[in-house]
Amino acid sequence: FAVITAALVSGAIVERMRFSAYLVFIGLWSLLVYAPVAHWVWGGGWLSTLGTLDFAGGTVVHVNAGVAALVAALVLGPRRDHGRQAFLPHNVPLVLLGTGLLWFGWFGFNGGSALAANNVAALAAVNTVLAPMATALVWMLLDLYRTKRMTAVGAATGVVVGLVAITPASGFVGPRAALVIGAIAALPSYYGILLRSRTRLDDSLDVTAAHGLGGIVGALLTGVFARAAWGGADGWIAGKPSQVLIQAAGVAATLVYSG
């Protein structure tokens, strides 16, 4: 989890940082940023005491990496050709293959966070199937509405956003809630990418929109749909609206500290 969080940041700064500098960065960042946030949420820290729910890293991994990626891209500035030429996907079949491999690996990411082969792991795995399906569907419909056509790369992007969004909730919500979380998560990330394309921000792989916004939405919706019966704590729909505020506190603290 630590290495993938640092690796996500690289997606925002490709072609602009020497590898040696990146190694120094991820070493320091992992110790000074990732480790404290992980302790706050998973190691008995103050966010854990507060009651923040994060099953597999929506806040610790995705919000954390998303804001770090934004800052890194702003500090380094855009690539020389950014804004002058279109950076089109080089190989769409490889994009889809990579998405499939990522989705497959995410079963270990979410299901493995149960730390056992049990009912919670099975629930997390089922939700890891369903949420990205809903996100991909809504993403394709948004593409169809806006451009009159659907794209394979758009569908792949939707899958990734759905995986991000369900990560904090995967062991705490039921399958129907996973579908709703996935569907809702498509909207902010989709329009976040459109907004980024109109700015000078060169976030090469849209880490901020996909992982940052997706993680924020997933973390907040965990506070809405979580149920103690599924293994977490009760959220808003189960009669505890304050859980949304607790989730928001975790997101805000991560954004401020990591940023």
C-alpha atoms as a PDB file:
ATOM      1  CA  PHE A   1       0.000   0.000   0.000  1.00  0.00           C
ATOM      2  CA  ALA A   2       2.842   2.362   0.788  1.00  0.00           C
ATOM      3  CA  VAL A   3       4.592   1.786  -2.527  1.00  0.00           C
ATOM      4  CA  ILE A   4       1.438   2.081  -4.639  1.00  0.00           C
ATOM      5  CA  THR A   5       0.546   5.370  -2.936  1.00  0.00           C
ATOM      6  CA  ALA A   6       3.935   6.802  -3.850  1.00  0.00           C
ATOM      7  CA  ALA A   7       3.701   5.289  -7.328  1.00  0.00           C
ATOM      8  CA  LEU A   8       0.366   7.014  -7.966  1.00  0.00           C
ATOM      9  CA  VAL A   9       2.069  10.377  -7.586  1.00  0.00           C
ATOM     10  CA  SER A  10       4.374   9.491 -10.488  1.00  0.00           C
ATOM     11  CA  GLY A  11       1.387   9.476 -12.827  1.00  0.00           C
ATOM     12  CA  ALA A  12       1.057  13.240 -12.504  1.00  0.00           C
ATOM     13  CA  ILE A  13       4.707  14.060 -13.214  1.00  0.00           C
ATOM     14  CA  VAL A  14       5.852  11.736 -15.993  1.00  0.00           C
ATOM     15  CA  GLU A  15       8.519  13.159 -18.320  1.00  0.00           C
ATOM     16  CA  ARG A  16       9.432  15.912 -15.857  1.00  0.00           C
ATOM     17  CA  MET A  17      11.474  14.399 -13.038  1.00  0.00           C
ATOM     18  CA  ARG A  18      14.780  12.543 -13.024  1.00  0.00           C
ATOM     19  CA  PHE A  19      14.466   9.004 -11.717  1.00  0.00           C
ATOM     20  CA  SER A  20      17.092   9.657  -9.036  1.00  0.00           C
ATOM     21  CA  ALA A  21      15.127  12.665  -7.784  1.00  0.00           C
ATOM     22  CA  TYR A  22      11.936  10.604  -7.765  1.00  0.00           C
ATOM     23  CA  LEU A  23      13.608   7.924  -5.636  1.00  0.00           C
ATOM     24  CA  VAL A  24      14.623  10.562  -3.090  1.00  0.00           C
ATOM     25  CA  PHE A  25      11.114  12.003  -3.181  1.00  0.00           C
ATOM     26  CA  ILE A  26       9.264   8.723  -2.593  1.00  0.00           C
ATOM     27  CA  GLY A  27      11.656   7.740   0.189  1.00  0.00           C
ATOM     28  CA  LEU A  28      11.095  10.976   2.089  1.00  0.00           C
ATOM     29  CA  TRP A  29       7.398  11.214   1.199  1.00  0.00           C
ATOM     30  CA  SER A  30       6.674   7.660   2.347  1.00  0.00           C
ATOM     31  CA  LEU A  31       8.248   8.349   5.738  1.00  0.00           C
ATOM     32  CA  LEU A  32       7.044  11.914   6.320  1.00  0.00           C
ATOM     33  CA  VAL A  33       3.587  11.846   4.714  1.00  0.00           C
ATOM     34  CA  TYR A  34       2.269   8.343   4.044  1.00  0.00           C
ATOM     35  CA  ALA A  35       3.368   6.765   7.336  1.00  0.00           C
ATOM     36  CA  PRO A  36       1.762   9.408   9.620  1.00  0.00           C
ATOM     37  CA  VAL A  37      -1.529   9.362   7.693  1.00  0.00           C
ATOM     38  CA  ALA A  38      -1.601   5.554   7.721  1.00  0.00           C
ATOM     39  CA  HIS A  39      -1.005   5.646  11.487  1.00  0.00           C
ATOM     40  CA  TRP A  40      -3.798   8.188  12.010  1.00  0.00           C
ATOM     41  CA  VAL A  41      -6.336   5.919  10.315  1.00  0.00           C
ATOM     42  CA  TRP A  42      -5.084   2.345  10.756  1.00  0.00           C
ATOM     43  CA  GLY A  43      -2.550   2.457  13.586  1.00  0.00           C
ATOM     44  CA  GLY A  44      -4.714   3.674  16.436  1.00  0.00           C
ATOM     45  CA  GLY A  45      -4.101   7.359  15.719  1.00  0.00           C
ATOM     46  CA  TRP A  46      -6.462  10.258  16.226  1.00  0.00           C
ATOM     47  CA  LEU A  47      -8.576   9.609  13.132  1.00  0.00           C
ATOM     48  CA  SER A  48      -9.005   6.000  14.187  1.00  0.00           C
ATOM     49  CA  THR A  49     -10.084   7.177  17.640  1.00  0.00           C
ATOM     50  CA  LEU A  50     -12.468   9.640  15.997  1.00  0.00           C
ATOM     51  CA  GLY A  51     -14.096   6.761  14.133  1.00  0.00           C
ATOM     52  CA  THR A  52     -12.957   7.366  10.550  1.00  0.00           C
ATOM     53  CA  LEU A  53     -13.831   4.442   8.276  1.00  0.00           C
ATOM     54  CA  ASP A  54     -11.339   3.493   5.564  1.00  0.00           C
ATOM     55  CA  PHE A  55     -11.404  -0.192   4.738  1.00  0.00           C
ATOM     56  CA  ALA A  56      -8.637  -0.347   2.131  1.00  0.00           C
ATOM     57  CA  GLY A  57      -7.194   3.120   1.637  1.00  0.00           C
ATOM     58  CA  GLY A  58      -9.606   5.658   0.170  1.00  0.00           C
ATOM     59  CA  THR A  59      -8.172   8.371   2.404  1.00  0.00           C
ATOM     60  CA  VAL A  60      -4.773   6.900   3.263  1.00  0.00           C
ATOM     61  CA  VAL A  61      -3.920   5.961  -0.329  1.00  0.00           C
ATOM     62  CA  HIS A  62      -6.036   7.815  -2.872  1.00  0.00           C
ATOM     63  CA  VAL A  63      -6.814  11.172  -1.267  1.00  0.00           C
ATOM     64  CA  ASN A  64      -3.251  11.270   0.041  1.00  0.00           C
ATOM     65  CA  ALA A  65      -1.716  10.528  -3.372  1.00  0.00           C
ATOM     66  CA  GLY A  66      -4.213  12.711  -5.239  1.00  0.00           C
ATOM     67  CA  VAL A  67      -3.345  15.921  -3.425  1.00  0.00           C
ATOM     68  CA  ALA A  68       0.388  15.102  -3.464  1.00  0.00           C
ATOM     69  CA  ALA A  69       0.164  14.561  -7.231  1.00  0.00           C
ATOM     70  CA  LEU A  70      -1.550  17.940  -7.652  1.00  0.00           C
ATOM     71  CA  VAL A  71       1.146  19.739  -5.670  1.00  0.00           C
ATOM     72  CA  ALA A  72       3.958  17.902  -7.477  1.00  0.00           C
ATOM     73  CA  ALA A  73       2.510  18.771 -10.897  1.00  0.00           C
ATOM     74  CA  LEU A  74       2.131  22.424  -9.899  1.00  0.00           C
ATOM     75  CA  VAL A  75       5.680  22.620  -8.527  1.00  0.00           C
ATOM     76  CA  LEU A  76       7.288  20.995 -11.565  1.00  0.00           C
ATOM     77  CA  GLY A  77       5.132  22.807 -14.107  1.00  0.00           C
ATOM     78  CA  PRO A  78       3.873  21.483 -17.452  1.00  0.00           C
ATOM     79  CA  ARG A  79       5.791  19.557 -20.112  1.00  0.00           C
ATOM     80  CA  ARG A  80       7.211  21.638 -22.955  1.00  0.00           C
ATOM     81  CA  ASP A  81       4.542  20.566 -25.442  1.00  0.00           C
ATOM     82  CA  HIS A  82       1.629  20.687 -23.023  1.00  0.00           C
ATOM     83  CA  GLY A  83      -1.189  22.752 -24.473  1.00  0.00           C
ATOM     84  CA  ARG A  84       0.450  22.844 -27.915  1.00  0.00           C
ATOM     85  CA  GLN A  85      -0.261  19.310 -29.076  1.00  0.00           C
ATOM     86  CA  ALA A  86      -2.772  16.629 -28.164  1.00  0.00           C
ATOM     87  CA  PHE A  87      -1.401  13.782 -26.051  1.00  0.00           C
ATOM     88  CA  LEU A  88      -3.442  10.912 -27.451  1.00  0.00           C
ATOM     89  CA  PRO A  89      -3.463   7.347 -26.059  1.00  0.00           C
ATOM     90  CA  HIS A  90      -0.684   5.484 -27.817  1.00  0.00           C
ATOM     91  CA  ASN A  91      -2.140   1.970 -27.688  1.00  0.00           C
ATOM     92  CA  VAL A  92      -5.775   1.464 -26.704  1.00  0.00           C
ATOM     93  CA  PRO A  93      -5.575  -2.361 -26.422  1.00  0.00           C
ATOM     94  CA  LEU A  94      -2.734  -1.981 -23.915  1.00  0.00           C
ATOM     95  CA  VAL A  95      -4.798   0.588 -21.994  1.00  0.00           C
ATOM     96  CA  LEU A  96      -7.588  -1.978 -21.724  1.00  0.00           C
ATOM     97  CA  LEU A  97      -5.173  -4.783 -20.829  1.00  0.00           C
ATOM     98  CA  GLY A  98      -3.640  -2.612 -18.113  1.00  0.00           C
ATOM     99  CA  THR A  99      -7.093  -1.767 -16.774  1.00  0.00           C
ATOM    100  CA  GLY A 100      -7.990  -5.448 -16.615  1.00  0.00           C
ATOM    101  CA  LEU A 101      -4.775  -6.293 -14.783  1.00  0.00           C
ATOM    102  CA  LEU A 102      -5.369  -3.419 -12.376  1.00  0.00           C
ATOM    103  CA  TRP A 103      -8.945  -4.533 -11.704  1.00  0.00           C
ATOM    104  CA  PHE A 104      -7.768  -8.100 -11.071  1.00  0.00           C
ATOM    105  CA  GLY A 105      -5.085  -6.882  -8.692  1.00  0.00           C
ATOM    106  CA  TRP A 106      -7.587  -4.713  -6.849  1.00  0.00           C
ATOM    107  CA  PHE A 107      -9.258  -7.863  -5.459  1.00  0.00           C
ATOM    108  CA  GLY A 108      -6.096  -8.349  -3.459  1.00  0.00           C
ATOM    109  CA  PHE A 109      -6.065  -4.683  -2.505  1.00  0.00           C
ATOM    110  CA  ASN A 110      -9.648  -4.620  -1.206  1.00  0.00           C
ATOM    111  CA  GLY A 111     -10.328  -8.250  -0.373  1.00  0.00           C
ATOM    112  CA  GLY A 112      -6.918  -8.640   1.201  1.00  0.00           C
ATOM    113  CA  SER A 113      -7.647  -5.789   3.575  1.00  0.00           C
ATOM    114  CA  ALA A 114      -9.889  -8.181   5.509  1.00  0.00           C
ATOM    115  CA  LEU A 115      -6.613  -9.903   6.516  1.00  0.00           C
ATOM    116  CA  ALA A 116      -8.339 -13.298   6.236  1.00  0.00           C
ATOM    117  CA  ALA A 117     -10.299 -15.431   3.764  1.00  0.00           C
ATOM    118  CA  ASN A 118     -13.652 -14.705   5.391  1.00  0.00           C
ATOM    119  CA  ASN A 119     -17.075 -13.161   4.766  1.00  0.00           C
ATOM    120  CA  VAL A 120     -15.682  -9.624   4.865  1.00  0.00           C
ATOM    121  CA  ALA A 121     -13.137 -10.464   2.177  1.00  0.00           C
ATOM    122  CA  ALA A 122     -15.906 -11.951   0.035  1.00  0.00           C
ATOM    123  CA  LEU A 123     -18.036  -8.831   0.495  1.00  0.00           C
ATOM    124  CA  ALA A 124     -15.120  -6.576  -0.441  1.00  0.00           C
ATOM    125  CA  ALA A 125     -14.457  -8.677  -3.547  1.00  0.00           C
ATOM    126  CA  VAL A 126     -18.099  -8.529  -4.674  1.00  0.00           C
ATOM    127  CA  ASN A 127     -18.175  -4.760  -4.191  1.00  0.00           C
ATOM    128  CA  THR A 128     -14.913  -4.491  -6.145  1.00  0.00           C
ATOM    129  CA  VAL A 129     -16.732  -6.075  -9.087  1.00  0.00           C
ATOM    130  CA  LEU A 130     -19.929  -4.058  -8.885  1.00  0.00           C
ATOM    131  CA  ALA A 131     -18.846  -0.471  -8.214  1.00  0.00           C
ATOM    132  CA  PRO A 132     -16.515  -0.116 -11.239  1.00  0.00           C
ATOM    133  CA  MET A 133     -19.233  -1.606 -13.469  1.00  0.00           C
ATOM    134  CA  ALA A 134     -21.599   1.181 -12.415  1.00  0.00           C
ATOM    135  CA  THR A 135     -18.930   3.862 -12.813  1.00  0.00           C
ATOM    136  CA  ALA A 136     -17.973   2.648 -16.298  1.00  0.00           C
ATOM    137  CA  LEU A 137     -21.621   2.635 -17.374  1.00  0.00           C
ATOM    138  CA  VAL A 138     -22.288   6.171 -16.126  1.00  0.00           C
ATOM    139  CA  TRP A 139     -18.969   7.349 -17.620  1.00  0.00           C
ATOM    140  CA  MET A 140     -19.912   5.977 -21.047  1.00  0.00           C
ATOM    141  CA  LEU A 141     -23.350   7.571 -20.840  1.00  0.00           C
ATOM    142  CA  LEU A 142     -21.743  10.914 -19.959  1.00  0.00           C
ATOM    143  CA  ASP A 143     -19.448  10.544 -22.973  1.00  0.00           C
ATOM    144  CA  LEU A 144     -22.435   9.671 -25.165  1.00  0.00           C
ATOM    145  CA  TYR A 145     -24.372  12.698 -23.924  1.00  0.00           C
ATOM    146  CA  ARG A 146     -21.450  15.105 -24.318  1.00  0.00           C
ATOM    147  CA  THR A 147     -19.732  13.860 -27.499  1.00  0.00           C
ATOM    148  CA  LYS A 148     -22.340  11.517 -29.043  1.00  0.00           C
ATOM    149  CA  ARG A 149     -19.956   8.552 -28.794  1.00  0.00           C
ATOM    150  CA  MET A 150     -18.511   6.184 -26.239  1.00  0.00           C
ATOM    151  CA  THR A 151     -14.805   5.379 -26.038  1.00  0.00           C
ATOM    152  CA  ALA A 152     -12.829   2.416 -24.735  1.00  0.00           C
ATOM    153  CA  VAL A 153     -10.388   4.695 -22.923  1.00  0.00           C
ATOM    154  CA  GLY A 154     -13.319   6.475 -21.284  1.00  0.00           C
ATOM    155  CA  ALA A 155     -14.740   3.175 -20.079  1.00  0.00           C
ATOM    156  CA  ALA A 156     -11.322   2.171 -18.730  1.00  0.00           C
ATOM    157  CA  THR A 157     -11.022   5.474 -16.895  1.00  0.00           C
ATOM    158  CA  GLY A 158     -14.461   4.920 -15.394  1.00  0.00           C
ATOM    159  CA  VAL A 159     -13.396   1.493 -14.123  1.00  0.00           C
ATOM    160  CA  VAL A 160     -10.375   2.981 -12.367  1.00  0.00           C
ATOM    161  CA  VAL A 161     -12.467   5.738 -10.755  1.00  0.00           C
ATOM    162  CA  GLY A 162     -14.971   3.137  -9.564  1.00  0.00           C
ATOM    163  CA  LEU A 163     -12.214   1.047  -8.036  1.00  0.00           C
ATOM    164  CA  VAL A 164     -10.892   4.099  -6.215  1.00  0.00           C
ATOM    165  CA  ALA A 165     -14.324   5.116  -4.938  1.00  0.00           C
ATOM    166  CA  ILE A 166     -15.255   1.711  -3.517  1.00  0.00           C
ATOM    167  CA  THR A 167     -11.884   1.188  -1.821  1.00  0.00           C
ATOM    168  CA  PRO A 168     -12.731   2.894   1.514  1.00  0.00           C
ATOM    169  CA  ALA A 169     -16.214   1.359   1.621  1.00  0.00           C
ATOM    170  CA  SER A 170     -15.637  -2.118   0.221  1.00  0.00           C
ATOM    171  CA  GLY A 171     -15.893  -3.997   3.520  1.00  0.00           C
ATOM    172  CA  PHE A 172     -18.469  -1.705   5.113  1.00  0.00           C
ATOM    173  CA  VAL A 173     -21.351  -1.486   2.602  1.00  0.00           C
ATOM    174  CA  GLY A 174     -23.669  -3.892   0.810  1.00  0.00           C
ATOM    175  CA  PRO A 175     -23.618  -4.659  -2.920  1.00  0.00           C
ATOM    176  CA  ARG A 176     -26.482  -2.302  -3.788  1.00  0.00           C
ATOM    177  CA  ALA A 177     -24.733   0.556  -2.022  1.00  0.00           C
ATOM    178  CA  ALA A 178     -21.556  -0.303  -3.956  1.00  0.00           C
ATOM    179  CA  LEU A 179     -23.442   0.181  -7.225  1.00  0.00           C
ATOM    180  CA  VAL A 180     -24.720   3.569  -6.050  1.00  0.00           C
ATOM    181  CA  ILE A 181     -21.274   4.683  -4.866  1.00  0.00           C
ATOM    182  CA  GLY A 182     -19.773   3.687  -8.204  1.00  0.00           C
ATOM    183  CA  ALA A 183     -22.444   5.513 -10.180  1.00  0.00           C
ATOM    184  CA  ILE A 184     -22.150   8.732  -8.168  1.00  0.00           C
ATOM    185  CA  ALA A 185     -18.339   8.716  -8.272  1.00  0.00           C
ATOM    186  CA  ALA A 186     -18.321   9.023 -12.059  1.00  0.00           C
ATOM    187  CA  LEU A 187     -19.699  12.571 -12.033  1.00  0.00           C
ATOM    188  CA  PRO A 188     -17.077  14.612 -10.104  1.00  0.00           C
ATOM    189  CA  SER A 189     -14.128  12.781 -11.671  1.00  0.00           C
ATOM    190  CA  TYR A 190     -15.535  13.057 -15.204  1.00  0.00           C
ATOM    191  CA  TYR A 191     -16.081  16.794 -14.945  1.00  0.00           C
ATOM    192  CA  GLY A 192     -12.864  17.196 -12.978  1.00  0.00           C
ATOM    193  CA  ILE A 193     -10.924  15.835 -15.941  1.00  0.00           C
ATOM    194  CA  LEU A 194     -12.785  18.170 -18.299  1.00  0.00           C
ATOM    195  CA  LEU A 195     -11.973  21.124 -16.039  1.00  0.00           C
ATOM    196  CA  ARG A 196      -8.302  20.138 -15.827  1.00  0.00           C
ATOM    197  CA  SER A 197      -8.062  20.029 -19.616  1.00  0.00           C
ATOM    198  CA  ARG A 198      -8.991  23.720 -19.733  1.00  0.00           C
ATOM    199  CA  THR A 199      -6.171  24.735 -17.387  1.00  0.00           C
ATOM    200  CA  ARG A 200      -2.377  24.746 -17.516  1.00  0.00           C
ATOM    201  CA  LEU A 201      -2.201  21.939 -14.960  1.00  0.00           C
ATOM    202  CA  ASP A 202      -0.268  19.061 -16.554  1.00  0.00           C
ATOM    203  CA  ASP A 203      -1.498  16.121 -14.492  1.00  0.00           C
ATOM    204  CA  SER A 204      -0.399  13.539 -17.037  1.00  0.00           C
ATOM    205  CA  LEU A 205      -2.670  10.664 -15.974  1.00  0.00           C
ATOM    206  CA  ASP A 206      -5.316  12.763 -14.187  1.00  0.00           C
ATOM    207  CA  VAL A 207      -4.313  11.409 -10.797  1.00  0.00           C
ATOM    208  CA  THR A 208      -5.953  14.365  -9.059  1.00  0.00           C
ATOM    209  CA  ALA A 209      -9.328  13.896 -10.746  1.00  0.00           C
ATOM    210  CA  ALA A 210      -9.398  10.097 -10.778  1.00  0.00           C
ATOM    211  CA  HIS A 211      -7.729   9.210  -7.477  1.00  0.00           C
ATOM    212  CA  GLY A 212      -8.056  12.442  -5.511  1.00  0.00           C
ATOM    213  CA  LEU A 213     -11.692  13.240  -6.310  1.00  0.00           C
ATOM    214  CA  GLY A 214     -12.632   9.561  -6.516  1.00  0.00           C
ATOM    215  CA  GLY A 215     -11.103   8.954  -3.101  1.00  0.00           C
ATOM    216  CA  ILE A 216     -12.862  11.961  -1.576  1.00  0.00           C
ATOM    217  CA  VAL A 217     -16.241  10.885  -2.954  1.00  0.00           C
ATOM    218  CA  GLY A 218     -15.713   7.300  -1.822  1.00  0.00           C
ATOM    219  CA  ALA A 219     -14.649   8.348   1.665  1.00  0.00           C
ATOM    220  CA  LEU A 220     -17.640  10.649   2.122  1.00  0.00           C
ATOM    221  CA  LEU A 221     -20.132   8.139   0.700  1.00  0.00           C
ATOM    222  CA  THR A 222     -18.741   5.525   3.075  1.00  0.00           C
ATOM    223  CA  GLY A 223     -20.151   7.749   5.809  1.00  0.00           C
ATOM    224  CA  VAL A 224     -23.503   7.700   4.038  1.00  0.00           C
ATOM    225  CA  PHE A 225     -23.922   4.005   3.209  1.00  0.00           C
ATOM    226  CA  ALA A 226     -21.873   2.124   5.836  1.00  0.00           C
ATOM    227  CA  ARG A 227     -23.785  -0.306   8.041  1.00  0.00           C
ATOM    228  CA  ALA A 228     -22.593  -2.021  11.186  1.00  0.00           C
ATOM    229  CA  ALA A 229     -24.321  -5.185   9.936  1.00  0.00           C
ATOM    230  CA  TRP A 230     -21.822  -5.386   7.081  1.00  0.00           C
ATOM    231  CA  GLY A 231     -18.830  -5.037   9.369  1.00  0.00           C
ATOM    232  CA  GLY A 232     -18.225  -1.322   9.798  1.00  0.00           C
ATOM    233  CA  ALA A 233     -20.143   1.327  11.714  1.00  0.00           C
ATOM    234  CA  ASP A 234     -23.559   2.744  10.918  1.00  0.00           C
ATOM    235  CA  GLY A 235     -23.595   5.669   8.492  1.00  0.00           C
ATOM    236  CA  TRP A 236     -26.192   8.259   7.558  1.00  0.00           C
ATOM    237  CA  ILE A 237     -28.800   5.916   6.038  1.00  0.00           C
ATOM    238  CA  ALA A 238     -28.511   3.669   9.101  1.00  0.00           C
ATOM    239  CA  GLY A 239     -29.302   6.574  11.425  1.00  0.00           C
ATOM    240  CA  LYS A 240     -25.902   8.127  12.130  1.00  0.00           C
ATOM    241  CA  PRO A 241     -25.469  11.239   9.947  1.00  0.00           C
ATOM    242  CA  SER A 242     -22.491  12.350  12.068  1.00  0.00           C
ATOM    243  CA  GLN A 243     -20.416   9.637  10.363  1.00  0.00           C
ATOM    244  CA  VAL A 244     -20.315  11.805   7.238  1.00  0.00           C
ATOM    245  CA  LEU A 245     -18.728  14.613   9.270  1.00  0.00           C
ATOM    246  CA  ILE A 246     -16.217  12.159  10.724  1.00  0.00           C
ATOM    247  CA  GLN A 247     -15.330  11.045   7.200  1.00  0.00           C
ATOM    248  CA  ALA A 248     -15.028  14.669   6.092  1.00  0.00           C
ATOM    249  CA  ALA A 249     -12.631  15.343   8.971  1.00  0.00           C
ATOM    250  CA  GLY A 250     -10.398  12.496   7.783  1.00  0.00           C
ATOM    251  CA  VAL A 251     -10.444  13.783   4.210  1.00  0.00           C
ATOM    252  CA  ALA A 252      -9.742  17.369   5.262  1.00  0.00           C
ATOM    253  CA  ALA A 253      -6.858  16.390   7.559  1.00  0.00           C
ATOM    254  CA  THR A 254      -5.264  14.325   4.800  1.00  0.00           C
ATOM    255  CA  LEU A 255      -5.666  17.082   2.212  1.00  0.00           C
ATOM    256  CA  VAL A 256      -4.067  19.681   4.479  1.00  0.00           C
ATOM    257  CA  TYR A 257      -1.227  17.517   5.798  1.00  0.00           C
ATOM    258  CA  SER A 258      -0.311  15.825   2.537  1.00  0.00           C
ATOM    259  CA  GLY A 259      -0.748  19.004   0.495  1.00  0.00           C
END
